[in-house]
C-alpha cells in the first residue's frame, strides 16, 4: 500500500518494484534450500527422520531446477538474456 501511494498508482513502477523484489528473493532462495536438503538428508543429524534415498534425489533434482530457473530470471532481469 505504501509504495502504491508513493508511486501514485503508477502500475509500471509498481510492477518494476515487484519484479525487483522477486529477483532478490530468487537470489536468497539457494541459501535456504541447499542447506535444508543437506541437513534433512543427513542420517547423523536427523537419525530415523532423515530423507529416504528417493526423497533425497527428488529434493536435489527440484533444487537444481529451481536454482537454474532463478539464475535464468536474474540474467533475464539484468538484461543479459532476452
PDB file of N, CA and C in Angstrom:
ATOM      1  N   UNK A   1       0.821  -1.190   0.000  1.00  0.00           N
ATOM      2  CA  UNK A   1       0.000   0.000   0.000  1.00  0.00           C
ATOM      3  C   UNK A   1       0.866   1.256   0.000  1.00  0.00           C
ATOM      4  N   UNK A   2       1.932   1.203   0.781  1.00  0.00           N
ATOM      5  CA  UNK A   2       2.788   2.381   0.908  1.00  0.00           C
ATOM      6  C   UNK A   2       3.404   2.750  -0.444  1.00  0.00           C
ATOM      7  N   UNK A   3       3.887   1.737  -1.175  1.00  0.00           N
ATOM      8  CA  UNK A   3       4.514   2.030  -2.461  1.00  0.00           C
ATOM      9  C   UNK A   3       3.479   2.416  -3.515  1.00  0.00           C
ATOM     10  N   UNK A   4       2.282   1.881  -3.421  1.00  0.00           N
ATOM     11  CA  UNK A   4       1.218   2.285  -4.343  1.00  0.00           C
ATOM     12  C   UNK A   4       0.884   3.752  -4.135  1.00  0.00           C
ATOM     13  N   UNK A   5       0.865   4.181  -2.899  1.00  0.00           N
ATOM     14  CA  UNK A   5       0.609   5.598  -2.601  1.00  0.00           C
ATOM     15  C   UNK A   5       1.809   6.439  -3.032  1.00  0.00           C
ATOM     16  N   UNK A   6       3.014   5.963  -2.720  1.00  0.00           N
ATOM     17  CA  UNK A   6       4.227   6.705  -3.043  1.00  0.00           C
ATOM     18  C   UNK A   6       4.376   6.918  -4.546  1.00  0.00           C
ATOM     19  N   UNK A   7       4.067   5.880  -5.330  1.00  0.00           N
ATOM     20  CA  UNK A   7       4.178   5.976  -6.785  1.00  0.00           C
ATOM     21  C   UNK A   7       2.888   6.462  -7.439  1.00  0.00           C
ATOM     22  N   UNK A   8       1.924   6.907  -6.650  1.00  0.00           N
ATOM     23  CA  UNK A   8       0.656   7.464  -7.148  1.00  0.00           C
ATOM     24  C   UNK A   8      -0.064   6.506  -8.086  1.00  0.00           C
ATOM     25  N   UNK A   9       0.022   5.214  -7.780  1.00  0.00           N
ATOM     26  CA  UNK A   9      -0.687   4.208  -8.569  1.00  0.00           C
ATOM     27  C   UNK A   9      -0.082   3.916  -9.928  1.00  0.00           C
ATOM     28  N   UNK A  10       1.137   4.376 -10.184  1.00  0.00           N
ATOM     29  CA  UNK A  10       1.808   4.122 -11.460  1.00  0.00           C
ATOM     30  C   UNK A  10       2.123   2.625 -11.552  1.00  0.00           C
ATOM     31  N   UNK A  11       1.351   1.923 -12.381  1.00  0.00           N
ATOM     32  CA  UNK A  11       1.468   0.470 -12.452  1.00  0.00           C
ATOM     33  C   UNK A  11       2.827   0.006 -12.946  1.00  0.00           C
ATOM     34  N   UNK A  12       3.445   0.731 -13.850  1.00  0.00           N
ATOM     35  CA  UNK A  12       4.748   0.327 -14.393  1.00  0.00           C
ATOM     36  C   UNK A  12       5.812   0.342 -13.301  1.00  0.00           C
ATOM     37  N   UNK A  13       5.805   1.377 -12.472  1.00  0.00           N
ATOM     38  CA  UNK A  13       6.793   1.458 -11.389  1.00  0.00           C
ATOM     39  C   UNK A  13       6.531   0.398 -10.323  1.00  0.00           C
ATOM     40  N   UNK A  14       5.271   0.155 -10.020  1.00  0.00           N
ATOM     41  CA  UNK A  14       4.931  -0.861  -9.029  1.00  0.00           C
ATOM     42  C   UNK A  14       5.303  -2.246  -9.550  1.00  0.00           C
ATOM     43  N   UNK A  15       5.064  -2.493 -10.831  1.00  0.00           N
ATOM     44  CA  UNK A  15       5.442  -3.781 -11.430  1.00  0.00           C
ATOM     45  C   UNK A  15       6.955  -3.966 -11.414  1.00  0.00           C
ATOM     46  N   UNK A  16       7.701  -2.914 -11.696  1.00  0.00           N
ATOM     47  CA  UNK A  16       9.165  -2.979 -11.631  1.00  0.00           C
ATOM     48  C   UNK A  16       9.655  -3.273 -10.224  1.00  0.00           C
ATOM     49  N   UNK A  17       9.017  -2.675  -9.238  1.00  0.00           N
ATOM     50  CA  UNK A  17       9.363  -2.928  -7.847  1.00  0.00           C
ATOM     51  C   UNK A  17       9.052  -4.369  -7.457  1.00  0.00           C
ATOM     52  N   UNK A  18       7.922  -4.876  -7.915  1.00  0.00           N
ATOM     53  CA  UNK A  18       7.553  -6.260  -7.635  1.00  0.00           C
ATOM     54  C   UNK A  18       8.548  -7.226  -8.284  1.00  0.00           C
ATOM     55  N   UNK A  19       8.938  -6.944  -9.506  1.00  0.00           N
ATOM     56  CA  UNK A  19       9.928  -7.780 -10.187  1.00  0.00           C
ATOM     57  C   UNK A  19      11.258  -7.758  -9.443  1.00  0.00           C
ATOM     58  N   UNK A  20      11.679  -6.582  -9.010  1.00  0.00           N
ATOM     59  CA  UNK A  20      12.938  -6.469  -8.260  1.00  0.00           C
ATOM     60  C   UNK A  20      12.875  -7.260  -6.958  1.00  0.00           C
ATOM     61  N   UNK A  21      11.739  -7.238  -6.282  1.00  0.00           N
ATOM     62  CA  UNK A  21      11.612  -7.994  -5.031  1.00  0.00           C
ATOM     63  C   UNK A  21      11.675  -9.497  -5.300  1.00  0.00           C
ATOM     64  N   UNK A  22      11.101  -9.948  -6.411  1.00  0.00           N
ATOM     65  CA  UNK A  22      11.142 -11.365  -6.750  1.00  0.00           C
ATOM     66  C   UNK A  22      12.560 -11.797  -7.136  1.00  0.00           C
ATOM     67  N   UNK A  23      13.287 -10.930  -7.809  1.00  0.00           N
ATOM     68  CA  UNK A  23      14.672 -11.240  -8.159  1.00  0.00           C
ATOM     69  C   UNK A  23      15.504 -11.352  -6.886  1.00  0.00           C
ATOM     70  N   UNK A  24      15.298 -10.443  -5.939  1.00  0.00           N
ATOM     71  CA  UNK A  24      16.019 -10.513  -4.671  1.00  0.00           C
ATOM     72  C   UNK A  24      15.703 -11.818  -3.940  1.00  0.00           C
ATOM     73  N   UNK A  25      14.435 -12.206  -3.922  1.00  0.00           N
ATOM     74  CA  UNK A  25      14.057 -13.459  -3.272  1.00  0.00           C
ATOM     75  C   UNK A  25      14.663 -14.661  -3.989  1.00  0.00           C
ATOM     76  N   UNK A  26      14.777 -14.584  -5.311  1.00  0.00           N
ATOM     77  CA  UNK A  26      15.373 -15.703  -6.037  1.00  0.00           C
ATOM     78  C   UNK A  26      16.868 -15.805  -5.771  1.00  0.00           C
ATOM     79  N   UNK A  27      17.505 -14.694  -5.440  1.00  0.00           N
ATOM     80  CA  UNK A  27      18.916 -14.742  -5.061  1.00  0.00           C
ATOM     81  C   UNK A  27      19.066 -15.396  -3.691  1.00  0.00           C
ATOM     82  N   UNK A  28      18.134 -15.142  -2.800  1.00  0.00           N
ATOM     83  CA  UNK A  28      18.205 -15.680  -1.437  1.00  0.00           C
ATOM     84  C   UNK A  28      17.781 -17.146  -1.352  1.00  0.00           C
ATOM     85  N   UNK A  29      16.971 -17.631  -2.290  1.00  0.00           N
ATOM     86  CA  UNK A  29      16.423 -18.986  -2.216  1.00  0.00           C
ATOM     87  C   UNK A  29      17.479 -20.084  -2.115  1.00  0.00           C
ATOM     88  N   UNK A  30      18.531 -20.083  -2.933  1.00  0.00           N
ATOM     89  CA  UNK A  30      19.522 -21.168  -2.808  1.00  0.00           C
ATOM     90  C   UNK A  30      20.172 -21.239  -1.430  1.00  0.00           C
ATOM     91  N   UNK A  31      20.315 -20.096  -0.761  1.00  0.00           N
ATOM     92  CA  UNK A  31      20.925 -20.076   0.559  1.00  0.00           C
ATOM     93  C   UNK A  31      20.028 -20.721   1.614  1.00  0.00           C
ATOM     94  N   UNK A  32      18.764 -20.909   1.300  1.00  0.00           N
ATOM     95  CA  UNK A  32      17.846 -21.594   2.210  1.00  0.00           C
ATOM     96  C   UNK A  32      17.619 -23.041   1.801  1.00  0.00           C
ATOM     97  N   UNK A  33      17.419 -23.276   0.514  1.00  0.00           N
ATOM     98  CA  UNK A  33      17.011 -24.611   0.069  1.00  0.00           C
ATOM     99  C   UNK A  33      18.171 -25.611   0.063  1.00  0.00           C
ATOM    100  N   UNK A  34      19.371 -25.184  -0.278  1.00  0.00           N
ATOM    101  CA  UNK A  34      20.505 -26.120  -0.319  1.00  0.00           C
ATOM    102  C   UNK A  34      20.840 -26.651   1.077  1.00  0.00           C
ATOM    103  N   UNK A  35      21.002 -25.794   2.091  1.00  0.00           N
ATOM    104  CA  UNK A  35      21.238 -26.349   3.430  1.00  0.00           C
ATOM    105  C   UNK A  35      20.068 -27.189   3.935  1.00  0.00           C
ATOM    106  N   UNK A  36      18.846 -26.821   3.582  1.00  0.00           N
ATOM    107  CA  UNK A  36      17.682 -27.589   4.008  1.00  0.00           C
ATOM    108  C   UNK A  36      17.753 -29.019   3.480  1.00  0.00           C
ATOM    109  N   UNK A  37      18.067 -29.171   2.208  1.00  0.00           N
ATOM    110  CA  UNK A  37      18.171 -30.508   1.626  1.00  0.00           C
ATOM    111  C   UNK A  37      19.363 -31.251   2.231  1.00  0.00           C
ATOM    112  N   UNK A  38      20.466 -30.561   2.428  1.00  0.00           N
ATOM    113  CA  UNK A  38      21.644 -31.205   3.013  1.00  0.00           C
ATOM    114  C   UNK A  38      21.364 -31.697   4.433  1.00  0.00           C
ATOM    115  N   UNK A  39      20.771 -30.856   5.262  1.00  0.00           N
ATOM    116  CA  UNK A  39      20.529 -31.220   6.659  1.00  0.00           C
ATOM    117  C   UNK A  39      19.475 -32.305   6.793  1.00  0.00           C
ATOM    118  N   UNK A  40      18.405 -32.222   6.006  1.00  0.00           N
ATOM    119  CA  UNK A  40      17.349 -33.231   6.137  1.00  0.00           C
ATOM    120  C   UNK A  40      17.736 -34.570   5.531  1.00  0.00           C
ATOM    121  N   UNK A  41      18.786 -34.597   4.730  1.00  0.00           N
ATOM    122  CA  UNK A  41      19.261 -35.851   4.148  1.00  0.00           C
ATOM    123  C   UNK A  41      20.371 -36.497   4.975  1.00  0.00           C
ATOM    124  N   UNK A  42      20.860 -35.802   5.982  1.00  0.00           N
ATOM    125  CA  UNK A  42      21.963 -36.277   6.801  1.00  0.00           C
ATOM    126  C   UNK A  42      21.456 -37.229   7.887  1.00  0.00           C
ATOM    127  N   UNK A  43      21.820 -38.497   7.775  1.00  0.00           N
ATOM    128  CA  UNK A  43      21.357 -39.502   8.740  1.00  0.00           C
ATOM    129  C   UNK A  43      21.955 -39.285  10.129  1.00  0.00           C
ATOM    130  N   UNK A  44      23.183 -38.770  10.203  1.00  0.00           N
ATOM    131  CA  UNK A  44      23.792 -38.472  11.500  1.00  0.00           C
ATOM    132  C   UNK A  44      23.010 -37.404  12.251  1.00  0.00           C
ATOM    133  N   UNK A  45      22.599 -36.413  11.528  1.00  0.00           N
ATOM    134  CA  UNK A  45      21.902 -35.281  12.128  1.00  0.00           C
ATOM    135  C   UNK A  45      20.434 -35.587  12.390  1.00  0.00           C
ATOM    136  N   UNK A  46      19.765 -36.217  11.434  1.00  0.00           N
ATOM    137  CA  UNK A  46      18.318 -36.423  11.513  1.00  0.00           C
ATOM    138  C   UNK A  46      17.921 -37.781  12.078  1.00  0.00           C
ATOM    139  N   UNK A  47      18.872 -38.725  12.112  1.00  0.00           N
ATOM    140  CA  UNK A  47      18.548 -40.052  12.628  1.00  0.00           C
ATOM    141  C   UNK A  47      17.511 -40.748  11.766  1.00  0.00           C
ATOM    142  N   UNK A  48      16.492 -41.295  12.416  1.00  0.00           N
ATOM    143  CA  UNK A  48      15.459 -42.029  11.680  1.00  0.00           C
ATOM    144  C   UNK A  48      14.565 -41.126  10.825  1.00  0.00           C
ATOM    145  N   UNK A  49      14.657 -39.827  11.049  1.00  0.00           N
ATOM    146  CA  UNK A  49      13.815 -38.882  10.310  1.00  0.00           C
ATOM    147  C   UNK A  49      14.474 -38.345   9.044  1.00  0.00           C
ATOM    148  N   UNK A  50      15.652 -38.831   8.740  1.00  0.00           N
ATOM    149  CA  UNK A  50      16.352 -38.381   7.526  1.00  0.00           C
ATOM    150  C   UNK A  50      15.558 -38.783   6.290  1.00  0.00           C
ATOM    151  N   UNK A  51      15.752 -38.019   5.239  1.00  0.00           N
ATOM    152  CA  UNK A  51      15.080 -38.316   3.973  1.00  0.00           C
ATOM    153  C   UNK A  51      15.450 -39.694   3.463  1.00  0.00           C
ATOM    154  N   UNK A  52      14.479 -40.375   2.890  1.00  0.00           N
ATOM    155  CA  UNK A  52      14.766 -41.621   2.189  1.00  0.00           C
ATOM    156  C   UNK A  52      15.550 -41.278   0.927  1.00  0.00           C
ATOM    157  N   UNK A  53      16.178 -42.269   0.345  1.00  0.00           N
ATOM    158  CA  UNK A  53      17.021 -42.044  -0.830  1.00  0.00           C
ATOM    159  C   UNK A  53      16.246 -41.405  -1.969  1.00  0.00           C
ATOM    160  N   UNK A  54      15.036 -41.891  -2.240  1.00  0.00           N
ATOM    161  CA  UNK A  54      14.268 -41.328  -3.356  1.00  0.00           C
ATOM    162  C   UNK A  54      13.857 -39.889  -3.073  1.00  0.00           C
ATOM    163  N   UNK A  55      13.594 -39.564  -1.806  1.00  0.00           N
ATOM    164  CA  UNK A  55      13.237 -38.182  -1.439  1.00  0.00           C
ATOM    165  C   UNK A  55      14.459 -37.277  -1.594  1.00  0.00           C
ATOM    166  N   UNK A  56      15.619 -37.787  -1.199  1.00  0.00           N
ATOM    167  CA  UNK A  56      16.855 -37.016  -1.328  1.00  0.00           C
ATOM    168  C   UNK A  56      17.124 -36.675  -2.793  1.00  0.00           C
ATOM    169  N   UNK A  57      17.003 -37.681  -3.670  1.00  0.00           N
ATOM    170  CA  UNK A  57      17.244 -37.421  -5.099  1.00  0.00           C
ATOM    171  C   UNK A  57      16.192 -36.490  -5.692  1.00  0.00           C
ATOM    172  N   UNK A  58      14.951 -36.639  -5.287  1.00  0.00           N
ATOM    173  CA  UNK A  58      13.893 -35.742  -5.765  1.00  0.00           C
ATOM    174  C   UNK A  58      14.132 -34.312  -5.275  1.00  0.00           C
ATOM    175  N   UNK A  59      14.579 -34.187  -4.022  1.00  0.00           N
ATOM    176  CA  UNK A  59      14.850 -32.857  -3.459  1.00  0.00           C
ATOM    177  C   UNK A  59      16.019 -32.190  -4.185  1.00  0.00           C
ATOM    178  N   UNK A  60      17.072 -32.952  -4.466  1.00  0.00           N
ATOM    179  CA  UNK A  60      18.201 -32.371  -5.195  1.00  0.00           C
ATOM    180  C   UNK A  60      17.814 -32.007  -6.622  1.00  0.00           C
ATOM    181  N   UNK A  61      16.997 -32.826  -7.250  1.00  0.00           N
ATOM    182  CA  UNK A  61      16.515 -32.506  -8.595  1.00  0.00           C
ATOM    183  C   UNK A  61      15.712 -31.204  -8.577  1.00  0.00           C
ATOM    184  N   UNK A  62      14.788 -31.084  -7.627  1.00  0.00           N
ATOM    185  CA  UNK A  62      13.983 -29.861  -7.514  1.00  0.00           C
ATOM    186  C   UNK A  62      14.864 -28.652  -7.207  1.00  0.00           C
ATOM    187  N   UNK A  63      15.865 -28.847  -6.371  1.00  0.00           N
ATOM    188  CA  UNK A  63      16.781 -27.756  -6.032  1.00  0.00           C
ATOM    189  C   UNK A  63      17.541 -27.285  -7.268  1.00  0.00           C
ATOM    190  N   UNK A  64      18.044 -28.222  -8.044  1.00  0.00           N
ATOM    191  CA  UNK A  64      18.800 -27.863  -9.257  1.00  0.00           C
ATOM    192  C   UNK A  64      17.900 -27.133 -10.250  1.00  0.00           C
ATOM    193  N   UNK A  65      16.682 -27.609 -10.418  1.00  0.00           N
ATOM    194  CA  UNK A  65      15.743 -26.951 -11.329  1.00  0.00           C
ATOM    195  C   UNK A  65      15.436 -25.537 -10.851  1.00  0.00           C
ATOM    196  N   UNK A  66      15.135 -25.383  -9.570  1.00  0.00           N
ATOM    197  CA  UNK A  66      14.797 -24.055  -9.032  1.00  0.00           C
ATOM    198  C   UNK A  66      15.972 -23.087  -9.125  1.00  0.00           C
ATOM    199  N   UNK A  67      17.157 -23.530  -8.782  1.00  0.00           N
ATOM    200  CA  UNK A  67      18.325 -22.654  -8.851  1.00  0.00           C
ATOM    201  C   UNK A  67      18.608 -22.266 -10.301  1.00  0.00           C
ATOM    202  N   UNK A  68      18.477 -23.206 -11.224  1.00  0.00           N
ATOM    203  CA  UNK A  68      18.682 -22.903 -12.648  1.00  0.00           C
ATOM    204  C   UNK A  68      17.673 -21.877 -13.147  1.00  0.00           C
ATOM    205  N   UNK A  69      16.409 -22.075 -12.793  1.00  0.00           N
ATOM    206  CA  UNK A  69      15.381 -21.117 -13.209  1.00  0.00           C
ATOM    207  C   UNK A  69      15.605 -19.747 -12.584  1.00  0.00           C
ATOM    208  N   UNK A  70      16.080 -19.711 -11.342  1.00  0.00           N
ATOM    209  CA  UNK A  70      16.349 -18.435 -10.693  1.00  0.00           C
ATOM    210  C   UNK A  70      17.530 -17.722 -11.329  1.00  0.00           C
ATOM    211  N   UNK A  71      18.550 -18.471 -11.717  1.00  0.00           N
ATOM    212  CA  UNK A  71      19.679 -17.853 -12.422  1.00  0.00           C
ATOM    213  C   UNK A  71      19.201 -17.274 -13.756  1.00  0.00           C
ATOM    214  N   UNK A  72      18.350 -18.021 -14.449  1.00  0.00           N
ATOM    215  CA  UNK A  72      17.791 -17.532 -15.706  1.00  0.00           C
ATOM    216  C   UNK A  72      17.003 -16.236 -15.474  1.00  0.00           C
ATOM    217  N   UNK A  73      16.194 -16.195 -14.411  1.00  0.00           N
ATOM    218  CA  UNK A  73      15.412 -14.996 -14.089  1.00  0.00           C
ATOM    219  C   UNK A  73      16.320 -13.800 -13.810  1.00  0.00           C
ATOM    220  N   UNK A  74      17.375 -14.035 -13.062  1.00  0.00           N
ATOM    221  CA  UNK A  74      18.302 -12.946 -12.733  1.00  0.00           C
ATOM    222  C   UNK A  74      18.968 -12.426 -14.006  1.00  0.00           C
ATOM    223  N   UNK A  75      19.463 -13.334 -14.834  1.00  0.00           N
ATOM    224  CA  UNK A  75      20.116 -12.914 -16.074  1.00  0.00           C
ATOM    225  C   UNK A  75      19.156 -12.189 -17.012  1.00  0.00           C
ATOM    226  N   UNK A  76      17.917 -12.673 -17.051  1.00  0.00           N
ATOM    227  CA  UNK A  76      16.923 -12.021 -17.895  1.00  0.00           C
ATOM    228  C   UNK A  76      16.568 -10.636 -17.361  1.00  0.00           C
ATOM    229  N   UNK A  77      16.493 -10.503 -16.047  1.00  0.00           N
ATOM    230  CA  UNK A  77      16.119  -9.224 -15.447  1.00  0.00           C
ATOM    231  C   UNK A  77      17.195  -8.168 -15.639  1.00  0.00           C
ATOM    232  N   UNK A  78      18.451  -8.565 -15.517  1.00  0.00           N
ATOM    233  CA  UNK A  78      19.535  -7.579 -15.686  1.00  0.00           C
ATOM    234  C   UNK A  78      19.857  -7.324 -17.150  1.00  0.00           C
ATOM    235  N   UNK A  79      19.202  -8.054 -18.050  1.00  0.00           N
ATOM    236  CA  UNK A  79      19.338  -7.764 -19.467  1.00  0.00           C
ATOM    237  C   UNK A  79      20.401  -8.561 -20.188  1.00  0.00           C
ATOM    238  N   UNK A  80      20.950  -9.593 -19.557  1.00  0.00           N
ATOM    239  CA  UNK A  80      21.953 -10.402 -20.235  1.00  0.00           C
ATOM    240  C   UNK A  80      21.324 -11.450 -21.151  1.00  0.00           C
ATOM    241  N   UNK A  81      20.048 -11.757 -20.940  1.00  0.00           N
ATOM    242  CA  UNK A  81      19.303 -12.678 -21.794  1.00  0.00           C
ATOM    243  C   UNK A  81      18.050 -11.964 -22.284  1.00  0.00           C
ATOM    244  N   UNK A  82      17.596 -12.361 -23.455  1.00  0.00           N
ATOM    245  CA  UNK A  82      16.355 -11.757 -23.968  1.00  0.00           C
ATOM    246  C   UNK A  82      15.313 -12.787 -24.163  1.00  0.00           C
TER     247      UNK A  82
END
